[in-house]
Amino acid sequence: MTRPRASSWILPTLVLGLALSGCQLGTASVAIRGKELFQTCVPCHGPAGAGRHEVGAPGIAGMSDWYIQQELRKFVSGARGTNFDDLEGMHMQPMALSLASDDDLKAVSQYVSSLPQPRRIATIHGDAQAGQALYATCIACHGVNGQGNEAMKAPRLAGVKDWYLVGTLKKFKSGVRGSNPADPEDVMMHSMTATLADDKAIQDVVAYIETLKP
């Protein structure tokens, strides 16, 4: 019986080893790049991505990678952050434009997504029971437990700071967000907030969302 030549398996093994090593290095370099890019976000969103209420910057730590990428691309394209009444959005747009490439956008999104979700502290005191009935309209997109739905491009709501949800719903209801046809998801949300009669209804539905487990 002829013994197999060593070169017949050594070369493929070396190639596979180099390929795997390259993947690991690539992953590590993306993580490092993402962390570097995130330093631009720290003044508003905080070093742990927990957000800062006083500047209207939401907690972004632990948000889905796909959703962060989706929203950053909207800011870059001008689909979001160009309404003069949306001060926080207008502040965010130039920050998104500072990302030099799509690879940078992906790297910072992946890094933010990897951060632990911040602890929630209730600041809104609505009627959660009344809010549960109102939330029934939201289930089709955001899920029974507020977990979000990538296929519907609907973000996770459970675990999001209550003050940010209230402020965002008010923007949708007033048309500050949701009036740009280049952002169909926001347009849909603008129409959905018609089911929320007033500020009390907004606080009630947010109070219910705050009972959901992220």
N, C-alpha and C. Protein backbone atom coordinates (compact mmCIF):
# COMPACT_ATOMS: atom_id res chain seq x y z
N MET A 1 0.85 -1.20 0.00
CA MET A 1 0.00 0.00 0.00
C MET A 1 0.89 1.25 0.00
N THR A 2 0.54 2.21 -0.85
CA THR A 2 1.33 3.44 -0.94
C THR A 2 0.92 4.41 0.14
N ARG A 3 1.90 4.91 0.91
CA ARG A 3 1.60 5.89 1.95
C ARG A 3 1.33 7.25 1.32
N PRO A 4 0.35 8.00 1.81
CA PRO A 4 0.06 9.32 1.23
C PRO A 4 1.22 10.26 1.44
N ARG A 5 1.50 11.06 0.47
CA ARG A 5 2.56 12.05 0.59
C ARG A 5 2.16 13.13 1.59
N ALA A 6 3.13 13.53 2.40
CA ALA A 6 2.84 14.52 3.45
C ALA A 6 2.32 15.80 2.86
N SER A 7 2.87 16.19 1.69
CA SER A 7 2.49 17.48 1.10
C SER A 7 1.03 17.51 0.68
N SER A 8 0.43 16.33 0.49
CA SER A 8 -0.95 16.30 0.02
C SER A 8 -1.93 16.78 1.08
N TRP A 9 -1.53 16.70 2.35
CA TRP A 9 -2.44 17.18 3.41
C TRP A 9 -1.87 18.37 4.16
N ILE A 10 -0.55 18.58 4.12
CA ILE A 10 0.05 19.70 4.85
C ILE A 10 -0.40 21.04 4.27
N LEU A 11 -0.36 21.16 2.92
CA LEU A 11 -0.72 22.43 2.30
C LEU A 11 -2.16 22.83 2.58
N PRO A 12 -3.16 21.91 2.38
CA PRO A 12 -4.54 22.30 2.70
C PRO A 12 -4.72 22.68 4.16
N THR A 13 -4.00 21.96 5.06
CA THR A 13 -4.11 22.26 6.49
C THR A 13 -3.58 23.64 6.79
N LEU A 14 -2.44 23.99 6.18
CA LEU A 14 -1.87 25.32 6.39
C LEU A 14 -2.81 26.41 5.87
N VAL A 15 -3.39 26.17 4.70
CA VAL A 15 -4.30 27.15 4.10
C VAL A 15 -5.51 27.35 5.01
N LEU A 16 -6.07 26.22 5.52
CA LEU A 16 -7.22 26.32 6.41
C LEU A 16 -6.86 27.07 7.68
N GLY A 17 -5.67 26.75 8.22
CA GLY A 17 -5.24 27.43 9.45
C GLY A 17 -5.09 28.92 9.26
N LEU A 18 -4.49 29.31 8.14
CA LEU A 18 -4.33 30.74 7.85
C LEU A 18 -5.67 31.42 7.66
N ALA A 19 -6.59 30.71 7.01
CA ALA A 19 -7.92 31.28 6.78
C ALA A 19 -8.63 31.53 8.09
N LEU A 20 -8.58 30.53 8.99
CA LEU A 20 -9.24 30.69 10.29
C LEU A 20 -8.58 31.79 11.09
N SER A 21 -7.24 31.84 11.03
CA SER A 21 -6.53 32.89 11.75
C SER A 21 -6.92 34.25 11.24
N GLY A 22 -7.06 34.36 9.90
CA GLY A 22 -7.45 35.64 9.31
C GLY A 22 -8.82 36.08 9.77
N CYS A 23 -9.77 35.09 9.87
CA CYS A 23 -11.13 35.42 10.33
C CYS A 23 -11.11 35.97 11.74
N GLN A 24 -10.30 35.33 12.60
CA GLN A 24 -10.23 35.77 14.00
C GLN A 24 -9.64 37.16 14.09
N LEU A 25 -8.57 37.38 13.33
CA LEU A 25 -7.96 38.71 13.35
C LEU A 25 -8.93 39.75 12.81
N GLY A 26 -9.67 39.37 11.77
CA GLY A 26 -10.63 40.31 11.20
C GLY A 26 -11.69 40.68 12.21
N THR A 27 -12.21 39.70 12.93
CA THR A 27 -13.23 39.96 13.94
C THR A 27 -12.69 40.86 15.03
N ALA A 28 -11.45 40.57 15.46
CA ALA A 28 -10.84 41.36 16.52
C ALA A 28 -10.64 42.80 16.06
N SER A 29 -10.19 42.98 14.82
CA SER A 29 -9.93 44.33 14.33
C SER A 29 -11.23 45.12 14.18
N VAL A 30 -12.31 44.44 13.79
CA VAL A 30 -13.61 45.11 13.68
C VAL A 30 -14.07 45.59 15.06
N ALA A 31 -13.88 44.74 16.08
CA ALA A 31 -14.27 45.10 17.44
C ALA A 31 -13.47 46.29 17.94
N ILE A 32 -12.17 46.28 17.66
CA ILE A 32 -11.31 47.39 18.08
C ILE A 32 -11.71 48.68 17.36
N ARG A 33 -11.96 48.57 16.07
CA ARG A 33 -12.36 49.74 15.29
C ARG A 33 -13.70 50.29 15.79
N GLY A 34 -14.63 49.38 16.08
CA GLY A 34 -15.93 49.81 16.60
C GLY A 34 -15.81 50.56 17.91
N LYS A 35 -14.95 50.06 18.79
CA LYS A 35 -14.75 50.73 20.08
C LYS A 35 -14.13 52.10 19.89
N GLU A 36 -13.19 52.20 18.96
CA GLU A 36 -12.56 53.50 18.66
C GLU A 36 -13.59 54.49 18.15
N LEU A 37 -14.41 54.06 17.21
CA LEU A 37 -15.42 54.93 16.62
C LEU A 37 -16.46 55.37 17.66
N PHE A 38 -16.76 54.48 18.60
CA PHE A 38 -17.76 54.77 19.61
C PHE A 38 -17.36 55.94 20.51
N GLN A 39 -16.08 56.25 20.58
CA GLN A 39 -15.64 57.36 21.44
C GLN A 39 -16.29 58.68 21.01
N THR A 40 -16.64 58.79 19.74
CA THR A 40 -17.34 59.99 19.25
C THR A 40 -18.75 60.07 19.83
N CYS A 41 -19.32 58.91 20.17
CA CYS A 41 -20.69 58.84 20.67
C CYS A 41 -20.78 59.07 22.18
N VAL A 42 -19.65 58.90 22.87
CA VAL A 42 -19.64 58.92 24.34
C VAL A 42 -20.17 60.21 24.95
N PRO A 43 -19.81 61.41 24.43
CA PRO A 43 -20.30 62.63 25.07
C PRO A 43 -21.82 62.70 25.22
N CYS A 44 -22.56 62.11 24.28
CA CYS A 44 -24.02 62.14 24.37
C CYS A 44 -24.60 60.83 24.94
N HIS A 45 -24.13 59.71 24.43
CA HIS A 45 -24.73 58.43 24.81
C HIS A 45 -24.08 57.80 26.04
N GLY A 46 -22.95 58.37 26.48
CA GLY A 46 -22.28 57.85 27.67
C GLY A 46 -21.32 56.73 27.34
N PRO A 47 -20.33 56.48 28.22
CA PRO A 47 -19.29 55.48 27.95
C PRO A 47 -19.82 54.06 27.85
N ALA A 48 -20.97 53.80 28.47
CA ALA A 48 -21.56 52.46 28.41
C ALA A 48 -22.76 52.41 27.48
N GLY A 49 -23.02 53.52 26.76
CA GLY A 49 -24.15 53.56 25.84
C GLY A 49 -25.50 53.61 26.53
N ALA A 50 -25.52 54.07 27.80
CA ALA A 50 -26.76 54.08 28.58
C ALA A 50 -27.64 55.28 28.28
N GLY A 51 -27.12 56.26 27.53
CA GLY A 51 -27.90 57.44 27.18
C GLY A 51 -27.83 58.53 28.23
N ARG A 52 -28.26 59.73 27.84
CA ARG A 52 -28.29 60.87 28.77
C ARG A 52 -29.58 61.64 28.53
N HIS A 53 -30.46 61.60 29.54
CA HIS A 53 -31.77 62.24 29.42
C HIS A 53 -31.63 63.74 29.18
N GLU A 54 -30.66 64.37 29.84
CA GLU A 54 -30.53 65.82 29.76
C GLU A 54 -30.21 66.34 28.36
N VAL A 55 -29.66 65.49 27.50
CA VAL A 55 -29.38 65.91 26.12
C VAL A 55 -30.26 65.16 25.13
N GLY A 56 -31.19 64.36 25.65
CA GLY A 56 -32.12 63.64 24.77
C GLY A 56 -31.51 62.49 24.01
N ALA A 57 -30.36 61.99 24.50
CA ALA A 57 -29.68 60.89 23.81
C ALA A 57 -30.13 59.56 24.40
N PRO A 58 -30.71 58.68 23.60
CA PRO A 58 -31.25 57.43 24.13
C PRO A 58 -30.17 56.44 24.54
N GLY A 59 -30.56 55.47 25.36
CA GLY A 59 -29.69 54.34 25.63
C GLY A 59 -29.65 53.46 24.39
N ILE A 60 -28.47 53.18 23.91
CA ILE A 60 -28.34 52.39 22.67
C ILE A 60 -27.64 51.06 22.92
N ALA A 61 -27.07 50.87 24.10
CA ALA A 61 -26.36 49.63 24.40
C ALA A 61 -27.30 48.44 24.28
N GLY A 62 -26.83 47.42 23.57
CA GLY A 62 -27.60 46.20 23.45
C GLY A 62 -28.71 46.23 22.40
N MET A 63 -28.88 47.36 21.71
CA MET A 63 -29.86 47.37 20.62
C MET A 63 -29.38 46.45 19.50
N SER A 64 -30.32 45.93 18.74
CA SER A 64 -29.97 44.99 17.68
C SER A 64 -29.05 45.65 16.65
N ASP A 65 -28.04 44.90 16.23
CA ASP A 65 -27.08 45.39 15.25
C ASP A 65 -27.78 45.87 13.99
N TRP A 66 -28.75 45.08 13.50
CA TRP A 66 -29.43 45.45 12.25
C TRP A 66 -30.17 46.77 12.41
N TYR A 67 -30.75 47.03 13.59
CA TYR A 67 -31.52 48.25 13.78
C TYR A 67 -30.59 49.48 13.86
N ILE A 68 -29.48 49.32 14.55
CA ILE A 68 -28.52 50.43 14.63
C ILE A 68 -28.03 50.80 13.24
N GLN A 69 -27.69 49.78 12.45
CA GLN A 69 -27.24 50.04 11.08
C GLN A 69 -28.34 50.73 10.27
N GLN A 70 -29.56 50.24 10.41
CA GLN A 70 -30.69 50.81 9.68
C GLN A 70 -30.85 52.30 9.97
N GLU A 71 -30.81 52.66 11.25
CA GLU A 71 -31.03 54.06 11.62
C GLU A 71 -29.84 54.94 11.25
N LEU A 72 -28.62 54.43 11.40
CA LEU A 72 -27.46 55.22 10.99
C LEU A 72 -27.51 55.52 9.49
N ARG A 73 -27.93 54.54 8.70
CA ARG A 73 -28.02 54.77 7.26
C ARG A 73 -29.08 55.82 6.93
N LYS A 74 -30.15 55.84 7.71
CA LYS A 74 -31.18 56.88 7.50
C LYS A 74 -30.60 58.26 7.79
N PHE A 75 -29.82 58.36 8.86
CA PHE A 75 -29.19 59.65 9.17
C PHE A 75 -28.23 60.06 8.06
N VAL A 76 -27.44 59.11 7.58
CA VAL A 76 -26.46 59.40 6.53
C VAL A 76 -27.15 59.87 5.25
N SER A 77 -28.26 59.23 4.90
CA SER A 77 -28.96 59.56 3.65
C SER A 77 -29.82 60.82 3.77
N GLY A 78 -30.08 61.26 5.00
CA GLY A 78 -30.95 62.42 5.21
C GLY A 78 -32.41 62.04 5.37
N ALA A 79 -32.71 60.73 5.36
CA ALA A 79 -34.09 60.30 5.58
C ALA A 79 -34.53 60.59 7.01
N ARG A 80 -33.58 60.74 7.89
CA ARG A 80 -33.86 61.08 9.29
C ARG A 80 -32.86 62.14 9.75
N GLY A 81 -33.33 63.03 10.60
CA GLY A 81 -32.43 64.03 11.18
C GLY A 81 -32.35 65.33 10.42
N THR A 82 -33.34 65.61 9.55
CA THR A 82 -33.31 66.85 8.78
C THR A 82 -34.48 67.77 9.09
N ASN A 83 -35.37 67.33 9.99
CA ASN A 83 -36.49 68.18 10.40
C ASN A 83 -36.01 69.16 11.47
N PHE A 84 -36.18 70.45 11.24
CA PHE A 84 -35.66 71.46 12.16
C PHE A 84 -36.28 71.38 13.55
N ASP A 85 -37.45 70.74 13.66
CA ASP A 85 -38.08 70.58 14.97
C ASP A 85 -37.58 69.34 15.72
N ASP A 86 -36.78 68.56 15.05
CA ASP A 86 -36.20 67.37 15.68
C ASP A 86 -34.75 67.69 16.06
N LEU A 87 -34.58 68.37 17.18
CA LEU A 87 -33.25 68.84 17.56
C LEU A 87 -32.27 67.69 17.79
N GLU A 88 -32.76 66.64 18.46
CA GLU A 88 -31.88 65.50 18.74
C GLU A 88 -31.48 64.81 17.44
N GLY A 89 -32.43 64.67 16.52
CA GLY A 89 -32.13 64.06 15.23
C GLY A 89 -31.14 64.88 14.42
N MET A 90 -31.30 66.19 14.45
CA MET A 90 -30.38 67.07 13.71
C MET A 90 -28.98 67.03 14.31
N HIS A 91 -28.91 66.81 15.62
CA HIS A 91 -27.61 66.67 16.26
C HIS A 91 -26.94 65.36 15.85
N MET A 92 -27.77 64.33 15.68
CA MET A 92 -27.24 63.00 15.38
C MET A 92 -26.79 62.87 13.92
N GLN A 93 -27.44 63.57 13.01
CA GLN A 93 -27.11 63.37 11.60
C GLN A 93 -25.64 63.65 11.27
N PRO A 94 -25.07 64.79 11.69
CA PRO A 94 -23.66 65.00 11.37
C PRO A 94 -22.73 63.99 12.03
N MET A 95 -23.17 63.46 13.18
CA MET A 95 -22.35 62.43 13.83
C MET A 95 -22.31 61.17 12.97
N ALA A 96 -23.46 60.82 12.39
CA ALA A 96 -23.50 59.65 11.50
C ALA A 96 -22.67 59.91 10.24
N LEU A 97 -22.71 61.14 9.75
CA LEU A 97 -21.96 61.48 8.54
C LEU A 97 -20.45 61.43 8.78
N SER A 98 -20.02 61.45 10.04
CA SER A 98 -18.59 61.39 10.36
C SER A 98 -18.03 59.98 10.14
N LEU A 99 -18.90 58.99 9.97
CA LEU A 99 -18.43 57.64 9.69
C LEU A 99 -17.92 57.59 8.25
N ALA A 100 -16.66 57.25 8.10
CA ALA A 100 -15.99 57.40 6.80
C ALA A 100 -16.44 56.38 5.76
N SER A 101 -16.94 55.23 6.22
CA SER A 101 -17.29 54.17 5.27
C SER A 101 -18.39 53.30 5.84
N ASP A 102 -18.94 52.45 4.98
CA ASP A 102 -19.96 51.51 5.45
C ASP A 102 -19.36 50.50 6.42
N ASP A 103 -18.08 50.18 6.23
CA ASP A 103 -17.41 49.27 7.17
C ASP A 103 -17.34 49.88 8.56
N ASP A 104 -17.09 51.19 8.63
CA ASP A 104 -17.07 51.87 9.93
C ASP A 104 -18.46 51.86 10.55
N LEU A 105 -19.48 52.08 9.73
CA LEU A 105 -20.85 52.06 10.22
C LEU A 105 -21.18 50.69 10.82
N LYS A 106 -20.77 49.64 10.13
CA LYS A 106 -21.02 48.28 10.64
C LYS A 106 -20.23 48.00 11.90
N ALA A 107 -18.99 48.47 11.94
CA ALA A 107 -18.13 48.20 13.10
C ALA A 107 -18.68 48.85 14.36
N VAL A 108 -19.09 50.11 14.28
CA VAL A 108 -19.61 50.79 15.47
C VAL A 108 -20.96 50.20 15.87
N SER A 109 -21.76 49.78 14.90
CA SER A 109 -23.05 49.15 15.20
C SER A 109 -22.86 47.85 15.96
N GLN A 110 -21.91 47.05 15.50
CA GLN A 110 -21.64 45.77 16.16
C GLN A 110 -21.12 46.00 17.57
N TYR A 111 -20.29 47.01 17.74
CA TYR A 111 -19.76 47.29 19.09
C TYR A 111 -20.87 47.73 20.04
N VAL A 112 -21.72 48.64 19.60
CA VAL A 112 -22.82 49.11 20.44
C VAL A 112 -23.76 47.96 20.79
N SER A 113 -24.02 47.11 19.82
CA SER A 113 -24.90 45.96 20.04
C SER A 113 -24.34 45.01 21.09
N SER A 114 -23.01 44.95 21.21
CA SER A 114 -22.37 44.03 22.15
C SER A 114 -22.37 44.54 23.59
N LEU A 115 -22.69 45.82 23.79
CA LEU A 115 -22.68 46.39 25.14
C LEU A 115 -23.87 45.89 25.95
N PRO A 116 -23.70 45.66 27.26
CA PRO A 116 -24.82 45.21 28.09
C PRO A 116 -25.92 46.26 28.16
N GLN A 117 -27.16 45.81 28.17
CA GLN A 117 -28.28 46.74 28.27
C GLN A 117 -28.25 47.45 29.62
N PRO A 118 -28.49 48.75 29.62
CA PRO A 118 -28.46 49.50 30.89
C PRO A 118 -29.66 49.20 31.77
N ARG A 119 -29.50 49.42 33.05
CA ARG A 119 -30.60 49.24 34.00
C ARG A 119 -31.62 50.34 33.80
N ARG A 120 -32.90 49.98 33.89
CA ARG A 120 -33.98 50.94 33.70
C ARG A 120 -34.41 51.54 35.05
N ILE A 121 -34.70 52.83 35.03
CA ILE A 121 -35.29 53.50 36.19
C ILE A 121 -36.53 54.23 35.69
N ALA A 122 -37.68 53.90 36.26
CA ALA A 122 -38.94 54.49 35.79
C ALA A 122 -38.98 55.99 36.05
N THR A 123 -39.34 56.74 35.02
CA THR A 123 -39.54 58.19 35.18
C THR A 123 -40.95 58.60 34.77
N ILE A 124 -41.68 57.67 34.12
CA ILE A 124 -43.04 57.92 33.67
C ILE A 124 -44.00 57.05 34.48
N HIS A 125 -45.07 57.63 34.95
CA HIS A 125 -45.99 56.89 35.81
C HIS A 125 -47.39 56.92 35.20
N GLY A 126 -47.57 56.11 34.14
CA GLY A 126 -48.87 55.99 33.50
C GLY A 126 -49.63 54.80 34.04
N ASP A 127 -50.78 54.53 33.43
CA ASP A 127 -51.63 53.42 33.82
C ASP A 127 -51.30 52.24 32.89
N ALA A 128 -50.52 51.29 33.42
CA ALA A 128 -50.06 50.17 32.61
C ALA A 128 -51.22 49.29 32.13
N GLN A 129 -52.27 49.18 32.94
CA GLN A 129 -53.41 48.36 32.54
C GLN A 129 -54.11 48.96 31.33
N ALA A 130 -54.30 50.27 31.35
CA ALA A 130 -54.89 50.95 30.19
C ALA A 130 -53.94 50.86 29.00
N GLY A 131 -52.65 50.92 29.29
CA GLY A 131 -51.65 50.86 28.23
C GLY A 131 -51.60 49.51 27.54
N GLN A 132 -51.94 48.45 28.27
CA GLN A 132 -51.94 47.12 27.67
C GLN A 132 -52.93 47.03 26.51
N ALA A 133 -54.11 47.62 26.69
CA ALA A 133 -55.11 47.63 25.62
C ALA A 133 -54.61 48.43 24.41
N LEU A 134 -53.95 49.53 24.68
CA LEU A 134 -53.42 50.36 23.60
C LEU A 134 -52.29 49.65 22.86
N TYR A 135 -51.52 48.86 23.58
CA TYR A 135 -50.36 48.18 22.98
C TYR A 135 -50.77 47.09 22.00
N ALA A 136 -52.01 46.65 22.06
CA ALA A 136 -52.48 45.60 21.15
C ALA A 136 -52.22 45.98 19.69
N THR A 137 -52.29 47.27 19.37
CA THR A 137 -52.05 47.74 18.00
C THR A 137 -50.58 47.59 17.60
N CYS A 138 -49.71 47.56 18.59
CA CYS A 138 -48.27 47.54 18.34
C CYS A 138 -47.72 46.13 18.13
N ILE A 139 -48.50 45.13 18.56
CA ILE A 139 -48.00 43.76 18.60
C ILE A 139 -47.58 43.24 17.23
N ALA A 140 -48.34 43.57 16.19
CA ALA A 140 -48.06 43.03 14.85
C ALA A 140 -46.64 43.32 14.39
N CYS A 141 -46.11 44.47 14.77
CA CYS A 141 -44.75 44.84 14.35
C CYS A 141 -43.71 44.60 15.45
N HIS A 142 -44.02 45.05 16.66
CA HIS A 142 -43.02 45.03 17.73
C HIS A 142 -43.03 43.76 18.58
N GLY A 143 -44.06 42.91 18.40
CA GLY A 143 -44.10 41.65 19.13
C GLY A 143 -44.83 41.73 20.45
N VAL A 144 -45.33 40.59 20.90
CA VAL A 144 -46.09 40.51 22.14
C VAL A 144 -45.27 41.01 23.33
N ASN A 145 -43.99 40.68 23.32
CA ASN A 145 -43.12 41.05 24.43
C ASN A 145 -42.23 42.26 24.12
N GLY A 146 -42.58 42.96 23.05
CA GLY A 146 -41.79 44.14 22.69
C GLY A 146 -40.39 43.82 22.23
N GLN A 147 -40.22 42.60 21.70
CA GLN A 147 -38.88 42.14 21.32
C GLN A 147 -38.42 42.67 19.98
N GLY A 148 -39.32 43.27 19.20
CA GLY A 148 -38.96 43.78 17.88
C GLY A 148 -39.06 42.70 16.81
N ASN A 149 -38.93 43.13 15.56
CA ASN A 149 -39.08 42.21 14.43
C ASN A 149 -38.26 42.75 13.26
N GLU A 150 -37.16 42.08 12.98
CA GLU A 150 -36.29 42.55 11.90
C GLU A 150 -37.00 42.54 10.55
N ALA A 151 -37.83 41.52 10.31
CA ALA A 151 -38.53 41.42 9.03
C ALA A 151 -39.44 42.62 8.80
N MET A 152 -39.98 43.17 9.89
CA MET A 152 -40.84 44.35 9.81
C MET A 152 -40.07 45.65 10.02
N LYS A 153 -38.76 45.51 10.25
CA LYS A 153 -37.88 46.66 10.54
C LYS A 153 -38.36 47.43 11.77
N ALA A 154 -38.93 46.69 12.71
CA ALA A 154 -39.48 47.28 13.93
C ALA A 154 -38.53 47.01 15.09
N PRO A 155 -38.06 48.03 15.78
CA PRO A 155 -37.07 47.83 16.84
C PRO A 155 -37.65 47.21 18.10
N ARG A 156 -36.75 46.70 18.93
CA ARG A 156 -37.13 46.26 20.27
C ARG A 156 -37.57 47.47 21.08
N LEU A 157 -38.68 47.33 21.81
CA LEU A 157 -39.17 48.38 22.70
C LEU A 157 -38.90 48.04 24.16
N ALA A 158 -38.98 46.76 24.49
CA ALA A 158 -38.76 46.34 25.87
C ALA A 158 -37.34 46.69 26.29
N GLY A 159 -37.22 47.35 27.42
CA GLY A 159 -35.90 47.72 27.92
C GLY A 159 -35.45 49.11 27.51
N VAL A 160 -36.19 49.76 26.61
CA VAL A 160 -35.84 51.11 26.18
C VAL A 160 -36.31 52.10 27.25
N LYS A 161 -35.52 53.13 27.52
CA LYS A 161 -35.86 54.11 28.56
C LYS A 161 -37.22 54.73 28.29
N ASP A 162 -38.04 54.81 29.35
CA ASP A 162 -39.42 55.29 29.18
C ASP A 162 -39.49 56.73 28.68
N TRP A 163 -38.60 57.59 29.14
CA TRP A 163 -38.64 59.00 28.72
C TRP A 163 -38.36 59.13 27.22
N TYR A 164 -37.50 58.23 26.70
CA TYR A 164 -37.20 58.28 25.27
C TYR A 164 -38.40 57.80 24.46
N LEU A 165 -39.08 56.76 24.92
CA LEU A 165 -40.26 56.27 24.22
C LEU A 165 -41.35 57.34 24.18
N VAL A 166 -41.57 58.01 25.31
CA VAL A 166 -42.59 59.07 25.35
C VAL A 166 -42.24 60.18 24.38
N GLY A 167 -41.01 60.65 24.42
CA GLY A 167 -40.59 61.72 23.53
C GLY A 167 -40.69 61.34 22.06
N THR A 168 -40.33 60.09 21.74
CA THR A 168 -40.37 59.63 20.36
C THR A 168 -41.81 59.51 19.86
N LEU A 169 -42.70 58.97 20.70
CA LEU A 169 -44.11 58.86 20.31
C LEU A 169 -44.72 60.25 20.08
N LYS A 170 -44.33 61.21 20.88
CA LYS A 170 -44.83 62.57 20.68
C LYS A 170 -44.32 63.15 19.36
N LYS A 171 -43.10 62.84 19.00
CA LYS A 171 -42.57 63.30 17.72
C LYS A 171 -43.33 62.68 16.55
N PHE A 172 -43.63 61.38 16.68
CA PHE A 172 -44.40 60.72 15.62
C PHE A 172 -45.79 61.32 15.52
N LYS A 173 -46.43 61.53 16.65
CA LYS A 173 -47.80 62.02 16.63
C LYS A 173 -47.90 63.43 16.04
N SER A 174 -46.91 64.25 16.33
CA SER A 174 -46.92 65.63 15.84
C SER A 174 -46.42 65.75 14.40
N GLY A 175 -45.81 64.69 13.89
CA GLY A 175 -45.27 64.75 12.53
C GLY A 175 -43.83 65.22 12.46
N VAL A 176 -43.23 65.48 13.62
CA VAL A 176 -41.81 65.84 13.63
C VAL A 176 -40.99 64.68 13.05
N ARG A 177 -41.43 63.47 13.36
CA ARG A 177 -40.91 62.28 12.69
C ARG A 177 -42.07 61.61 11.96
N GLY A 178 -41.77 61.04 10.81
CA GLY A 178 -42.79 60.33 10.06
C GLY A 178 -43.40 61.10 8.91
N SER A 179 -42.83 62.25 8.59
CA SER A 179 -43.37 63.04 7.47
C SER A 179 -42.47 62.97 6.23
N ASN A 180 -41.36 62.24 6.34
CA ASN A 180 -40.42 62.11 5.21
C ASN A 180 -40.68 60.78 4.50
N PRO A 181 -41.16 60.80 3.25
CA PRO A 181 -41.46 59.55 2.53
C PRO A 181 -40.24 58.67 2.31
N ALA A 182 -39.04 59.23 2.49
CA ALA A 182 -37.83 58.43 2.35
C ALA A 182 -37.62 57.48 3.52
N ASP A 183 -38.45 57.64 4.56
CA ASP A 183 -38.36 56.78 5.74
C ASP A 183 -39.71 56.11 5.96
N PRO A 184 -40.02 55.04 5.23
CA PRO A 184 -41.35 54.41 5.29
C PRO A 184 -41.71 53.87 6.67
N GLU A 185 -40.72 53.41 7.44
CA GLU A 185 -41.01 52.90 8.78
C GLU A 185 -41.51 54.01 9.69
N ASP A 186 -40.89 55.19 9.59
CA ASP A 186 -41.35 56.33 10.39
C ASP A 186 -42.72 56.82 9.91
N VAL A 187 -42.95 56.78 8.62
CA VAL A 187 -44.26 57.19 8.08
C VAL A 187 -45.35 56.30 8.65
N MET A 188 -45.07 55.00 8.72
CA MET A 188 -46.05 54.07 9.29
C MET A 188 -46.29 54.38 10.77
N MET A 189 -45.20 54.66 11.49
CA MET A 189 -45.34 54.96 12.92
C MET A 189 -46.15 56.24 13.13
N HIS A 190 -45.98 57.21 12.26
CA HIS A 190 -46.75 58.45 12.35
C HIS A 190 -48.24 58.15 12.27
N SER A 191 -48.62 57.26 11.37
CA SER A 191 -50.04 56.91 11.23
C SER A 191 -50.52 56.09 12.42
N MET A 192 -49.67 55.23 12.96
CA MET A 192 -50.07 54.38 14.08
C MET A 192 -50.33 55.18 15.35
N THR A 193 -49.63 56.29 15.53
CA THR A 193 -49.82 57.07 16.75
C THR A 193 -51.17 57.79 16.77
N ALA A 194 -51.91 57.72 15.67
CA ALA A 194 -53.27 58.29 15.67
C ALA A 194 -54.17 57.55 16.66
N THR A 195 -53.76 56.31 17.02
CA THR A 195 -54.55 55.54 17.98
C THR A 195 -54.33 56.02 19.42
N LEU A 196 -53.32 56.87 19.61
CA LEU A 196 -53.03 57.41 20.94
C LEU A 196 -53.65 58.81 21.02
N ALA A 197 -54.72 58.93 21.79
CA ALA A 197 -55.53 60.15 21.76
C ALA A 197 -54.81 61.38 22.28
N ASP A 198 -53.98 61.18 23.31
CA ASP A 198 -53.36 62.35 23.96
C ASP A 198 -52.12 61.92 24.73
N ASP A 199 -51.55 62.88 25.46
CA ASP A 199 -50.33 62.59 26.21
C ASP A 199 -50.55 61.49 27.25
N LYS A 200 -51.74 61.45 27.83
CA LYS A 200 -52.02 60.40 28.82
C LYS A 200 -51.96 59.02 28.18
N ALA A 201 -52.53 58.89 27.00
CA ALA A 201 -52.49 57.60 26.30
C ALA A 201 -51.05 57.20 25.99
N ILE A 202 -50.23 58.17 25.61
CA ILE A 202 -48.81 57.89 25.34
C ILE A 202 -48.12 57.39 26.61
N GLN A 203 -48.37 58.06 27.73
CA GLN A 203 -47.76 57.64 28.98
C GLN A 203 -48.26 56.27 29.42
N ASP A 204 -49.53 55.98 29.17
CA ASP A 204 -50.10 54.70 29.57
C ASP A 204 -49.47 53.55 28.77
N VAL A 205 -49.36 53.72 27.44
CA VAL A 205 -48.79 52.64 26.64
C VAL A 205 -47.32 52.43 26.97
N VAL A 206 -46.61 53.51 27.27
CA VAL A 206 -45.20 53.38 27.65
C VAL A 206 -45.08 52.70 29.02
N ALA A 207 -45.98 53.02 29.92
CA ALA A 207 -45.98 52.37 31.23
C ALA A 207 -46.15 50.85 31.08
N TYR A 208 -46.98 50.45 30.13
CA TYR A 208 -47.15 49.01 29.88
C TYR A 208 -45.88 48.41 29.26
N ILE A 209 -45.31 49.10 28.29
CA ILE A 209 -44.09 48.61 27.65
C ILE A 209 -42.99 48.40 28.69
N GLU A 210 -42.98 49.26 29.70
CA GLU A 210 -41.96 49.14 30.74
C GLU A 210 -42.12 47.88 31.60
N THR A 211 -43.27 47.23 31.51
CA THR A 211 -43.46 45.97 32.25
C THR A 211 -42.95 44.77 31.47
N LEU A 212 -42.63 44.96 30.20
CA LEU A 212 -42.18 43.87 29.35
C LEU A 212 -40.70 43.56 29.60
N LYS A 213 -40.35 42.31 29.50
CA LYS A 213 -38.97 41.89 29.74
C LYS A 213 -38.17 41.97 28.46
N PRO A 214 -37.04 42.69 28.49
CA PRO A 214 -36.21 42.82 27.28
C PRO A 214 -35.53 41.49 26.93
